[in-house]
Amino acid sequence: MPKIIFLPHEELCPDGAVIDAQSGDSILDVALENGIEIEHACEKSCACTTCHVIVREGFDSLDESDELEDDMLDKAWGLEPESRLGCQATVADEDLVVEIPKYTLNHAAEDH
């Protein structure tokens, strides 16, 4: 069973976490089911970037992103080559090391 290792994030999981995952589960679903409240403003419909994560290890085991996800990622804060939307990136059979960026862009929630 693959594991997702979430690196420490000041607010969402200060100590980091190592979580068992099922192949086919999205990174976002695994996080949410284990108390890591990654924002997901569009309710997992690939219409925002609030669940942006960076896959530090195991990136090549993920399915390739599609054009819609790539278009959304272009708008993400802190985009890196290993960036994915947590709602779209599904676990395969390798362990993943995931970093949750410090900031997200949520145009719907920002008042300024």
PDB file of N, CA and C in Angstrom:
ATOM      1  N   MET A   1       0.846  -1.181   0.000  1.00  0.00           N
ATOM      2  CA  MET A   1       0.000   0.000   0.000  1.00  0.00           C
ATOM      3  C   MET A   1       0.891   1.244   0.000  1.00  0.00           C
ATOM      4  N   PRO A   2       0.698   2.120  -1.000  1.00  0.00           N
ATOM      5  CA  PRO A   2       1.523   3.326  -1.043  1.00  0.00           C
ATOM      6  C   PRO A   2       1.214   4.272   0.112  1.00  0.00           C
ATOM      7  N   LYS A   3       2.196   5.072   0.449  1.00  0.00           N
ATOM      8  CA  LYS A   3       2.039   6.077   1.502  1.00  0.00           C
ATOM      9  C   LYS A   3       2.195   7.465   0.896  1.00  0.00           C
ATOM     10  N   ILE A   4       1.493   8.416   1.486  1.00  0.00           N
ATOM     11  CA  ILE A   4       1.738   9.819   1.156  1.00  0.00           C
ATOM     12  C   ILE A   4       2.369  10.449   2.385  1.00  0.00           C
ATOM     13  N   ILE A   5       3.536  11.003   2.182  1.00  0.00           N
ATOM     14  CA  ILE A   5       4.245  11.700   3.250  1.00  0.00           C
ATOM     15  C   ILE A   5       4.014  13.192   3.022  1.00  0.00           C
ATOM     16  N   PHE A   6       3.230  13.801   3.909  1.00  0.00           N
ATOM     17  CA  PHE A   6       2.985  15.234   3.825  1.00  0.00           C
ATOM     18  C   PHE A   6       4.058  15.937   4.643  1.00  0.00           C
ATOM     19  N   LEU A   7       4.796  16.814   3.995  1.00  0.00           N
ATOM     20  CA  LEU A   7       5.821  17.585   4.699  1.00  0.00           C
ATOM     21  C   LEU A   7       5.134  18.573   5.644  1.00  0.00           C
ATOM     22  N   PRO A   8       5.821  18.966   6.718  1.00  0.00           N
ATOM     23  CA  PRO A   8       5.204  19.893   7.673  1.00  0.00           C
ATOM     24  C   PRO A   8       4.723  21.181   6.996  1.00  0.00           C
ATOM     25  N   HIS A   9       3.534  21.607   7.385  1.00  0.00           N
ATOM     26  CA  HIS A   9       2.942  22.869   6.934  1.00  0.00           C
ATOM     27  C   HIS A   9       2.490  23.598   8.190  1.00  0.00           C
ATOM     28  N   GLU A  10       2.902  24.831   8.324  1.00  0.00           N
ATOM     29  CA  GLU A  10       2.703  25.590   9.560  1.00  0.00           C
ATOM     30  C   GLU A  10       1.278  25.507  10.099  1.00  0.00           C
ATOM     31  N   GLU A  11       0.281  25.619   9.228  1.00  0.00           N
ATOM     32  CA  GLU A  11      -1.109  25.642   9.688  1.00  0.00           C
ATOM     33  C   GLU A  11      -1.826  24.301   9.542  1.00  0.00           C
ATOM     34  N   LEU A  12      -1.628  23.618   8.425  1.00  0.00           N
ATOM     35  CA  LEU A  12      -2.455  22.451   8.112  1.00  0.00           C
ATOM     36  C   LEU A  12      -1.967  21.154   8.756  1.00  0.00           C
ATOM     37  N   CYS A  13      -0.670  20.969   8.867  1.00  0.00           N
ATOM     38  CA  CYS A  13      -0.127  19.787   9.564  1.00  0.00           C
ATOM     39  C   CYS A  13       1.287  20.118  10.029  1.00  0.00           C
ATOM     40  N   PRO A  14       1.378  20.813  11.168  1.00  0.00           N
ATOM     41  CA  PRO A  14       2.666  21.326  11.654  1.00  0.00           C
ATOM     42  C   PRO A  14       3.752  20.264  11.816  1.00  0.00           C
ATOM     43  N   ASP A  15       3.368  19.033  12.131  1.00  0.00           N
ATOM     44  CA  ASP A  15       4.360  17.978  12.329  1.00  0.00           C
ATOM     45  C   ASP A  15       4.549  17.105  11.099  1.00  0.00           C
ATOM     46  N   GLY A  16       3.843  17.415  10.020  1.00  0.00           N
ATOM     47  CA  GLY A  16       3.875  16.537   8.858  1.00  0.00           C
ATOM     48  C   GLY A  16       3.034  15.300   9.147  1.00  0.00           C
ATOM     49  N   ALA A  17       2.930  14.401   8.175  1.00  0.00           N
ATOM     50  CA  ALA A  17       2.119  13.197   8.360  1.00  0.00           C
ATOM     51  C   ALA A  17       2.554  12.143   7.352  1.00  0.00           C
ATOM     52  N   VAL A  18       2.419  10.882   7.757  1.00  0.00           N
ATOM     53  CA  VAL A  18       2.633   9.741   6.863  1.00  0.00           C
ATOM     54  C   VAL A  18       1.328   8.965   6.854  1.00  0.00           C
ATOM     55  N   ILE A  19       0.708   8.864   5.685  1.00  0.00           N
ATOM     56  CA  ILE A  19      -0.639   8.314   5.589  1.00  0.00           C
ATOM     57  C   ILE A  19      -0.683   7.213   4.532  1.00  0.00           C
ATOM     58  N   ASP A  20      -1.296   6.080   4.883  1.00  0.00           N
ATOM     59  CA  ASP A  20      -1.529   5.024   3.903  1.00  0.00           C
ATOM     60  C   ASP A  20      -2.585   5.490   2.912  1.00  0.00           C
ATOM     61  N   ALA A  21      -2.381   5.174   1.648  1.00  0.00           N
ATOM     62  CA  ALA A  21      -3.317   5.577   0.602  1.00  0.00           C
ATOM     63  C   ALA A  21      -3.647   4.372  -0.272  1.00  0.00           C
ATOM     64  N   GLN A  22      -4.790   4.421  -0.879  1.00  0.00           N
ATOM     65  CA  GLN A  22      -5.181   3.403  -1.850  1.00  0.00           C
ATOM     66  C   GLN A  22      -4.828   3.907  -3.250  1.00  0.00           C
ATOM     67  N   SER A  23      -4.335   3.023  -4.092  1.00  0.00           N
ATOM     68  CA  SER A  23      -4.128   3.400  -5.486  1.00  0.00           C
ATOM     69  C   SER A  23      -5.457   3.880  -6.048  1.00  0.00           C
ATOM     70  N   GLY A  24      -5.430   4.993  -6.762  1.00  0.00           N
ATOM     71  CA  GLY A  24      -6.638   5.563  -7.337  1.00  0.00           C
ATOM     72  C   GLY A  24      -7.239   6.689  -6.523  1.00  0.00           C
ATOM     73  N   ASP A  25      -6.839   6.821  -5.251  1.00  0.00           N
ATOM     74  CA  ASP A  25      -7.309   7.933  -4.426  1.00  0.00           C
ATOM     75  C   ASP A  25      -6.590   9.213  -4.853  1.00  0.00           C
ATOM     76  N   SER A  26      -7.280  10.337  -4.777  1.00  0.00           N
ATOM     77  CA  SER A  26      -6.600  11.602  -5.061  1.00  0.00           C
ATOM     78  C   SER A  26      -5.817  12.039  -3.823  1.00  0.00           C
ATOM     79  N   ILE A  27      -4.768  12.796  -4.054  1.00  0.00           N
ATOM     80  CA  ILE A  27      -3.977  13.337  -2.947  1.00  0.00           C
ATOM     81  C   ILE A  27      -4.879  14.155  -2.028  1.00  0.00           C
ATOM     82  N   LEU A  28      -5.773  14.944  -2.609  1.00  0.00           N
ATOM     83  CA  LEU A  28      -6.677  15.767  -1.806  1.00  0.00           C
ATOM     84  C   LEU A  28      -7.581  14.916  -0.931  1.00  0.00           C
ATOM     85  N   ASP A  29      -8.186  13.880  -1.490  1.00  0.00           N
ATOM     86  CA  ASP A  29      -9.084  13.041  -0.698  1.00  0.00           C
ATOM     87  C   ASP A  29      -8.359  12.372   0.462  1.00  0.00           C
ATOM     88  N   VAL A  30      -7.151  11.890   0.216  1.00  0.00           N
ATOM     89  CA  VAL A  30      -6.371  11.258   1.285  1.00  0.00           C
ATOM     90  C   VAL A  30      -6.092  12.275   2.390  1.00  0.00           C
ATOM     91  N   ALA A  31      -5.710  13.492   2.012  1.00  0.00           N
ATOM     92  CA  ALA A  31      -5.441  14.536   3.002  1.00  0.00           C
ATOM     93  C   ALA A  31      -6.693  14.831   3.823  1.00  0.00           C
ATOM     94  N   LEU A  32      -7.804  15.082   3.147  1.00  0.00           N
ATOM     95  CA  LEU A  32      -9.040  15.455   3.846  1.00  0.00           C
ATOM     96  C   LEU A  32      -9.526  14.341   4.771  1.00  0.00           C
ATOM     97  N   GLU A  33      -9.425  13.088   4.326  1.00  0.00           N
ATOM     98  CA  GLU A  33      -9.870  11.959   5.140  1.00  0.00           C
ATOM     99  C   GLU A  33      -9.022  11.775   6.398  1.00  0.00           C
ATOM    100  N   ASN A  34      -7.861  12.441   6.415  1.00  0.00           N
ATOM    101  CA  ASN A  34      -6.954  12.300   7.551  1.00  0.00           C
ATOM    102  C   ASN A  34      -6.718  13.616   8.279  1.00  0.00           C
ATOM    103  N   GLY A  35      -7.666  14.528   8.159  1.00  0.00           N
ATOM    104  CA  GLY A  35      -7.630  15.747   8.955  1.00  0.00           C
ATOM    105  C   GLY A  35      -6.713  16.842   8.458  1.00  0.00           C
ATOM    106  N   ILE A  36      -6.175  16.700   7.244  1.00  0.00           N
ATOM    107  CA  ILE A  36      -5.345  17.758   6.673  1.00  0.00           C
ATOM    108  C   ILE A  36      -6.258  18.558   5.745  1.00  0.00           C
ATOM    109  N   GLU A  37      -6.691  19.703   6.223  1.00  0.00           N
ATOM    110  CA  GLU A  37      -7.753  20.465   5.567  1.00  0.00           C
ATOM    111  C   GLU A  37      -7.225  21.369   4.454  1.00  0.00           C
ATOM    112  N   ILE A  38      -6.729  20.735   3.390  1.00  0.00           N
ATOM    113  CA  ILE A  38      -6.313  21.497   2.215  1.00  0.00           C
ATOM    114  C   ILE A  38      -7.560  22.149   1.626  1.00  0.00           C
ATOM    115  N   GLU A  39      -7.430  23.424   1.319  1.00  0.00           N
ATOM    116  CA  GLU A  39      -8.566  24.146   0.757  1.00  0.00           C
ATOM    117  C   GLU A  39      -8.944  23.546  -0.595  1.00  0.00           C
ATOM    118  N   HIS A  40     -10.214  23.555  -0.906  1.00  0.00           N
ATOM    119  CA  HIS A  40     -10.709  23.043  -2.198  1.00  0.00           C
ATOM    120  C   HIS A  40     -11.979  23.808  -2.562  1.00  0.00           C
ATOM    121  N   ALA A  41     -11.781  25.057  -2.944  1.00  0.00           N
ATOM    122  CA  ALA A  41     -12.891  25.989  -3.148  1.00  0.00           C
ATOM    123  C   ALA A  41     -13.869  25.546  -4.233  1.00  0.00           C
ATOM    124  N   CYS A  42     -13.409  24.816  -5.228  1.00  0.00           N
ATOM    125  CA  CYS A  42     -14.297  24.433  -6.331  1.00  0.00           C
ATOM    126  C   CYS A  42     -14.910  23.053  -6.121  1.00  0.00           C
ATOM    127  N   GLU A  43     -14.761  22.515  -4.914  1.00  0.00           N
ATOM    128  CA  GLU A  43     -15.320  21.191  -4.586  1.00  0.00           C
ATOM    129  C   GLU A  43     -14.794  20.097  -5.508  1.00  0.00           C
ATOM    130  N   LYS A  44     -13.490  20.159  -5.801  1.00  0.00           N
ATOM    131  CA  LYS A  44     -12.783  19.100  -6.535  1.00  0.00           C
ATOM    132  C   LYS A  44     -13.170  19.003  -8.005  1.00  0.00           C
ATOM    133  N   SER A  45     -13.574  20.111  -8.610  1.00  0.00           N
ATOM    134  CA  SER A  45     -14.000  20.072 -10.007  1.00  0.00           C
ATOM    135  C   SER A  45     -12.953  20.610 -10.987  1.00  0.00           C
ATOM    136  N   CYS A  46     -11.730  20.808 -10.518  1.00  0.00           N
ATOM    137  CA  CYS A  46     -10.631  21.298 -11.368  1.00  0.00           C
ATOM    138  C   CYS A  46     -10.950  22.684 -11.931  1.00  0.00           C
ATOM    139  N   ALA A  47     -11.535  23.543 -11.074  1.00  0.00           N
ATOM    140  CA  ALA A  47     -11.904  24.881 -11.511  1.00  0.00           C
ATOM    141  C   ALA A  47     -11.216  25.980 -10.712  1.00  0.00           C
ATOM    142  N   CYS A  48     -10.250  25.617  -9.867  1.00  0.00           N
ATOM    143  CA  CYS A  48      -9.492  26.613  -9.110  1.00  0.00           C
ATOM    144  C   CYS A  48      -8.114  26.029  -8.818  1.00  0.00           C
ATOM    145  N   THR A  49      -7.322  26.732  -8.024  1.00  0.00           N
ATOM    146  CA  THR A  49      -5.973  26.238  -7.698  1.00  0.00           C
ATOM    147  C   THR A  49      -5.761  26.100  -6.193  1.00  0.00           C
ATOM    148  N   THR A  50      -6.818  26.123  -5.411  1.00  0.00           N
ATOM    149  CA  THR A  50      -6.644  26.133  -3.954  1.00  0.00           C
ATOM    150  C   THR A  50      -6.086  24.825  -3.405  1.00  0.00           C
ATOM    151  N   CYS A  51      -6.183  23.721  -4.151  1.00  0.00           N
ATOM    152  CA  CYS A  51      -5.630  22.447  -3.665  1.00  0.00           C
ATOM    153  C   CYS A  51      -4.268  22.151  -4.288  1.00  0.00           C
ATOM    154  N   HIS A  52      -3.602  23.191  -4.789  1.00  0.00           N
ATOM    155  CA  HIS A  52      -2.273  23.050  -5.399  1.00  0.00           C
ATOM    156  C   HIS A  52      -1.295  22.421  -4.406  1.00  0.00           C
ATOM    157  N   VAL A  53      -0.612  21.372  -4.843  1.00  0.00           N
ATOM    158  CA  VAL A  53       0.431  20.731  -4.050  1.00  0.00           C
ATOM    159  C   VAL A  53       1.664  20.547  -4.931  1.00  0.00           C
ATOM    160  N   ILE A  54       2.794  20.335  -4.276  1.00  0.00           N
ATOM    161  CA  ILE A  54       4.036  20.054  -4.987  1.00  0.00           C
ATOM    162  C   ILE A  54       4.474  18.647  -4.594  1.00  0.00           C
ATOM    163  N   VAL A  55       4.624  17.785  -5.583  1.00  0.00           N
ATOM    164  CA  VAL A  55       4.994  16.387  -5.338  1.00  0.00           C
ATOM    165  C   VAL A  55       6.513  16.295  -5.408  1.00  0.00           C
ATOM    166  N   ARG A  56       7.148  16.271  -4.237  1.00  0.00           N
ATOM    167  CA  ARG A  56       8.608  16.297  -4.146  1.00  0.00           C
ATOM    168  C   ARG A  56       9.248  14.956  -4.499  1.00  0.00           C
ATOM    169  N   GLU A  57       8.551  13.849  -4.238  1.00  0.00           N
ATOM    170  CA  GLU A  57       9.046  12.521  -4.619  1.00  0.00           C
ATOM    171  C   GLU A  57       7.872  11.700  -5.112  1.00  0.00           C
ATOM    172  N   GLY A  58       8.118  10.898  -6.154  1.00  0.00           N
ATOM    173  CA  GLY A  58       7.068  10.050  -6.705  1.00  0.00           C
ATOM    174  C   GLY A  58       6.265  10.704  -7.811  1.00  0.00           C
ATOM    175  N   PHE A  59       6.664  11.888  -8.242  1.00  0.00           N
ATOM    176  CA  PHE A  59       5.903  12.629  -9.253  1.00  0.00           C
ATOM    177  C   PHE A  59       5.684  11.813 -10.522  1.00  0.00           C
ATOM    178  N   ASP A  60       6.717  11.096 -10.951  1.00  0.00           N
ATOM    179  CA  ASP A  60       6.626  10.357 -12.216  1.00  0.00           C
ATOM    180  C   ASP A  60       5.675   9.168 -12.145  1.00  0.00           C
ATOM    181  N   SER A  61       5.257   8.768 -10.937  1.00  0.00           N
ATOM    182  CA  SER A  61       4.317   7.653 -10.818  1.00  0.00           C
ATOM    183  C   SER A  61       2.871   8.105 -11.046  1.00  0.00           C
ATOM    184  N   LEU A  62       2.631   9.414 -11.031  1.00  0.00           N
ATOM    185  CA  LEU A  62       1.275   9.945 -11.210  1.00  0.00           C
ATOM    186  C   LEU A  62       0.883   9.930 -12.679  1.00  0.00           C
ATOM    187  N   ASP A  63      -0.421   9.820 -12.945  1.00  0.00           N
ATOM    188  CA  ASP A  63      -0.905  10.009 -14.311  1.00  0.00           C
ATOM    189  C   ASP A  63      -0.531  11.414 -14.753  1.00  0.00           C
ATOM    190  N   GLU A  64      -0.344  11.591 -16.046  1.00  0.00           N
ATOM    191  CA  GLU A  64      -0.037  12.930 -16.548  1.00  0.00           C
ATOM    192  C   GLU A  64      -1.237  13.850 -16.352  1.00  0.00           C
ATOM    193  N   SER A  65      -0.946  15.110 -16.118  1.00  0.00           N
ATOM    194  CA  SER A  65      -2.020  16.100 -15.997  1.00  0.00           C
ATOM    195  C   SER A  65      -2.637  16.334 -17.377  1.00  0.00           C
ATOM    196  N   ASP A  66      -3.922  16.674 -17.375  1.00  0.00           N
ATOM    197  CA  ASP A  66      -4.576  16.974 -18.656  1.00  0.00           C
ATOM    198  C   ASP A  66      -4.527  18.484 -18.914  1.00  0.00           C
ATOM    199  N   GLU A  67      -5.039  18.891 -20.055  1.00  0.00           N
ATOM    200  CA  GLU A  67      -4.957  20.299 -20.460  1.00  0.00           C
ATOM    201  C   GLU A  67      -5.696  21.221 -19.494  1.00  0.00           C
ATOM    202  N   LEU A  68      -6.857  20.793 -18.996  1.00  0.00           N
ATOM    203  CA  LEU A  68      -7.616  21.614 -18.059  1.00  0.00           C
ATOM    204  C   LEU A  68      -6.813  21.848 -16.768  1.00  0.00           C
ATOM    205  N   GLU A  69      -6.217  20.777 -16.234  1.00  0.00           N
ATOM    206  CA  GLU A  69      -5.408  20.934 -15.021  1.00  0.00           C
ATOM    207  C   GLU A  69      -4.207  21.841 -15.294  1.00  0.00           C
ATOM    208  N   ASP A  70      -3.553  21.652 -16.428  1.00  0.00           N
ATOM    209  CA  ASP A  70      -2.399  22.492 -16.768  1.00  0.00           C
ATOM    210  C   ASP A  70      -2.796  23.966 -16.849  1.00  0.00           C
ATOM    211  N   ASP A  71      -3.957  24.238 -17.444  1.00  0.00           N
ATOM    212  CA  ASP A  71      -4.435  25.624 -17.539  1.00  0.00           C
ATOM    213  C   ASP A  71      -4.677  26.210 -16.151  1.00  0.00           C
ATOM    214  N   MET A  72      -5.244  25.419 -15.253  1.00  0.00           N
ATOM    215  CA  MET A  72      -5.481  25.888 -13.882  1.00  0.00           C
ATOM    216  C   MET A  72      -4.151  26.110 -13.163  1.00  0.00           C
ATOM    217  N   LEU A  73      -3.228  25.164 -13.311  1.00  0.00           N
ATOM    218  CA  LEU A  73      -1.937  25.273 -12.628  1.00  0.00           C
ATOM    219  C   LEU A  73      -1.182  26.530 -13.041  1.00  0.00           C
ATOM    220  N   ASP A  74      -1.371  26.965 -14.272  1.00  0.00           N
ATOM    221  CA  ASP A  74      -0.700  28.194 -14.724  1.00  0.00           C
ATOM    222  C   ASP A  74      -1.061  29.385 -13.847  1.00  0.00           C
ATOM    223  N   LYS A  75      -2.181  29.312 -13.136  1.00  0.00           N
ATOM    224  CA  LYS A  75      -2.650  30.407 -12.277  1.00  0.00           C
ATOM    225  C   LYS A  75      -2.247  30.221 -10.810  1.00  0.00           C
ATOM    226  N   ALA A  76      -1.606  29.106 -10.485  1.00  0.00           N
ATOM    227  CA  ALA A  76      -1.288  28.788  -9.086  1.00  0.00           C
ATOM    228  C   ALA A  76      -0.115  29.625  -8.585  1.00  0.00           C
ATOM    229  N   TRP A  77      -0.202  30.000  -7.298  1.00  0.00           N
ATOM    230  CA  TRP A  77       0.907  30.693  -6.650  1.00  0.00           C
ATOM    231  C   TRP A  77       2.039  29.699  -6.422  1.00  0.00           C
ATOM    232  N   GLY A  78       3.276  30.092  -6.740  1.00  0.00           N
ATOM    233  CA  GLY A  78       4.427  29.249  -6.456  1.00  0.00           C
ATOM    234  C   GLY A  78       4.522  28.014  -7.331  1.00  0.00           C
ATOM    235  N   LEU A  79       4.074  28.099  -8.565  1.00  0.00           N
ATOM    236  CA  LEU A  79       4.087  26.965  -9.485  1.00  0.00           C
ATOM    237  C   LEU A  79       5.503  26.429  -9.663  1.00  0.00           C
ATOM    238  N   GLU A  80       5.628  25.107  -9.622  1.00  0.00           N
ATOM    239  CA  GLU A  80       6.903  24.429  -9.837  1.00  0.00           C
ATOM    240  C   GLU A  80       6.688  23.300 -10.843  1.00  0.00           C
ATOM    241  N   PRO A  81       7.758  22.746 -11.417  1.00  0.00           N
ATOM    242  CA  PRO A  81       7.588  21.659 -12.389  1.00  0.00           C
ATOM    243  C   PRO A  81       6.843  20.448 -11.815  1.00  0.00           C
ATOM    244  N   GLU A  82       6.945  20.236 -10.509  1.00  0.00           N
ATOM    245  CA  GLU A  82       6.280  19.089  -9.869  1.00  0.00           C
ATOM    246  C   GLU A  82       4.947  19.467  -9.237  1.00  0.00           C
ATOM    247  N   SER A  83       4.372  20.590  -9.652  1.00  0.00           N
ATOM    248  CA  SER A  83       3.082  21.030  -9.128  1.00  0.00           C
ATOM    249  C   SER A  83       1.950  20.209  -9.735  1.00  0.00           C
ATOM    250  N   ARG A  84       0.952  19.921  -8.903  1.00  0.00           N
ATOM    251  CA  ARG A  84      -0.285  19.270  -9.353  1.00  0.00           C
ATOM    252  C   ARG A  84      -1.438  19.831  -8.533  1.00  0.00           C
ATOM    253  N   LEU A  85      -2.636  19.663  -9.050  1.00  0.00           N
ATOM    254  CA  LEU A  85      -3.821  19.941  -8.247  1.00  0.00           C
ATOM    255  C   LEU A  85      -4.121  18.674  -7.463  1.00  0.00           C
ATOM    256  N   GLY A  86      -4.274  18.814  -6.164  1.00  0.00           N
ATOM    257  CA  GLY A  86      -4.502  17.658  -5.310  1.00  0.00           C
ATOM    258  C   GLY A  86      -5.754  16.877  -5.678  1.00  0.00           C
ATOM    259  N   CYS A  87      -6.750  17.573  -6.236  1.00  0.00           N
ATOM    260  CA  CYS A  87      -8.000  16.900  -6.595  1.00  0.00           C
ATOM    261  C   CYS A  87      -7.869  16.079  -7.864  1.00  0.00           C
ATOM    262  N   GLN A  88      -6.820  16.309  -8.638  1.00  0.00           N
ATOM    263  CA  GLN A  88      -6.650  15.626  -9.919  1.00  0.00           C
ATOM    264  C   GLN A  88      -5.544  14.578  -9.901  1.00  0.00           C
ATOM    265  N   ALA A  89      -4.595  14.722  -9.000  1.00  0.00           N
ATOM    266  CA  ALA A  89      -3.449  13.803  -8.944  1.00  0.00           C
ATOM    267  C   ALA A  89      -3.829  12.572  -8.133  1.00  0.00           C
ATOM    268  N   THR A  90      -3.831  11.409  -8.772  1.00  0.00           N
ATOM    269  CA  THR A  90      -4.214  10.182  -8.079  1.00  0.00           C
ATOM    270  C   THR A  90      -2.996   9.317  -7.787  1.00  0.00           C
ATOM    271  N   VAL A  91      -3.045   8.696  -6.637  1.00  0.00           N
ATOM    272  CA  VAL A  91      -1.970   7.828  -6.166  1.00  0.00           C
ATOM    273  C   VAL A  91      -1.891   6.601  -7.075  1.00  0.00           C
ATOM    274  N   ALA A  92      -0.692   6.206  -7.420  1.00  0.00           N
ATOM    275  CA  ALA A  92      -0.489   4.971  -8.187  1.00  0.00           C
ATOM    276  C   ALA A  92      -0.003   3.904  -7.217  1.00  0.00           C
ATOM    277  N   ASP A  93       1.208   3.384  -7.435  1.00  0.00           N
ATOM    278  CA  ASP A  93       1.709   2.333  -6.552  1.00  0.00           C
ATOM    279  C   ASP A  93       3.003   2.717  -5.847  1.00  0.00           C
ATOM    280  N   GLU A  94       3.412   3.980  -5.985  1.00  0.00           N
ATOM    281  CA  GLU A  94       4.636   4.450  -5.332  1.00  0.00           C
ATOM    282  C   GLU A  94       4.289   5.412  -4.200  1.00  0.00           C
ATOM    283  N   ASP A  95       5.172   5.453  -3.194  1.00  0.00           N
ATOM    284  CA  ASP A  95       5.031   6.452  -2.140  1.00  0.00           C
ATOM    285  C   ASP A  95       5.235   7.841  -2.739  1.00  0.00           C
ATOM    286  N   LEU A  96       4.561   8.810  -2.142  1.00  0.00           N
ATOM    287  CA  LEU A  96       4.681  10.206  -2.566  1.00  0.00           C
ATOM    288  C   LEU A  96       5.141  11.057  -1.399  1.00  0.00           C
ATOM    289  N   VAL A  97       5.947  12.051  -1.683  1.00  0.00           N
ATOM    290  CA  VAL A  97       6.279  13.083  -0.709  1.00  0.00           C
ATOM    291  C   VAL A  97       5.676  14.372  -1.237  1.00  0.00           C
ATOM    292  N   VAL A  98       4.759  14.957  -0.443  1.00  0.00           N
ATOM    293  CA  VAL A  98       3.963  16.087  -0.907  1.00  0.00           C
ATOM    294  C   VAL A  98       4.197  17.299  -0.009  1.00  0.00           C
ATOM    295  N   GLU A  99       4.417  18.431  -0.655  1.00  0.00           N
ATOM    296  CA  GLU A  99       4.518  19.708   0.049  1.00  0.00           C
ATOM    297  C   GLU A  99       3.267  20.519  -0.257  1.00  0.00           C
ATOM    298  N   ILE A 100       2.664  21.059   0.773  1.00  0.00           N
ATOM    299  CA  ILE A 100       1.521  21.949   0.610  1.00  0.00           C
ATOM    300  C   ILE A 100       2.082  23.371   0.624  1.00  0.00           C
ATOM    301  N   PRO A 101       1.891  24.121  -0.462  1.00  0.00           N
ATOM    302  CA  PRO A 101       2.463  25.474  -0.497  1.00  0.00           C
ATOM    303  C   PRO A 101       1.939  26.344   0.643  1.00  0.00           C
ATOM    304  N   LYS A 102       2.751  27.305   1.021  1.00  0.00           N
ATOM    305  CA  LYS A 102       2.380  28.195   2.120  1.00  0.00           C
ATOM    306  C   LYS A 102       1.166  29.044   1.769  1.00  0.00           C
ATOM    307  N   TYR A 103       1.028  29.410   0.500  1.00  0.00           N
ATOM    308  CA  TYR A 103      -0.065  30.281   0.074  1.00  0.00           C
ATOM    309  C   TYR A 103      -0.880  29.609  -1.027  1.00  0.00           C
ATOM    310  N   THR A 104      -2.162  29.974  -1.087  1.00  0.00           N
ATOM    311  CA  THR A 104      -2.997  29.595  -2.216  1.00  0.00           C
ATOM    312  C   THR A 104      -3.710  30.841  -2.706  1.00  0.00           C
ATOM    313  N   LEU A 105      -4.179  30.778  -3.912  1.00  0.00           N
ATOM    314  CA  LEU A 105      -4.972  31.870  -4.472  1.00  0.00           C
ATOM    315  C   LEU A 105      -6.412  31.413  -4.523  1.00  0.00           C
ATOM    316  N   ASN A 106      -7.259  32.050  -3.737  1.00  0.00           N
ATOM    317  CA  ASN A 106      -8.683  31.750  -3.759  1.00  0.00           C
ATOM    318  C   ASN A 106      -9.397  33.054  -4.066  1.00  0.00           C
ATOM    319  N   HIS A 107      -9.651  33.275  -5.345  1.00  0.00           N
ATOM    320  CA  HIS A 107     -10.268  34.534  -5.762  1.00  0.00           C
ATOM    321  C   HIS A 107     -11.672  34.696  -5.184  1.00  0.00           C
ATOM    322  N   ALA A 108     -12.348  33.599  -4.908  1.00  0.00           N
ATOM    323  CA  ALA A 108     -13.703  33.674  -4.371  1.00  0.00           C
ATOM    324  C   ALA A 108     -13.702  34.123  -2.909  1.00  0.00           C
ATOM    325  N   ALA A 109     -12.653  33.786  -2.167  1.00  0.00           N
ATOM    326  CA  ALA A 109     -12.632  34.050  -0.729  1.00  0.00           C
ATOM    327  C   ALA A 109     -11.877  35.316  -0.357  1.00  0.00           C
ATOM    328  N   GLU A 110     -11.099  35.849  -1.274  1.00  0.00           N
ATOM    329  CA  GLU A 110     -10.285  37.011  -0.924  1.00  0.00           C
ATOM    330  C   GLU A 110     -11.103  38.279  -1.039  1.00  0.00           C
ATOM    331  N   ASP A 111     -11.059  39.057   0.021  1.00  0.00           N
ATOM    332  CA  ASP A 111     -11.872  40.260   0.082  1.00  0.00           C
ATOM    333  C   ASP A 111     -11.123  41.518  -0.343  1.00  0.00           C
ATOM    334  N   HIS A 112      -9.833  41.406  -0.594  1.00  0.00           N
ATOM    335  CA  HIS A 112      -9.077  42.611  -0.907  1.00  0.00           C
ATOM    336  C   HIS A 112      -8.554  42.619  -2.302  1.00  0.00           C
TER     337      HIS A 112
END
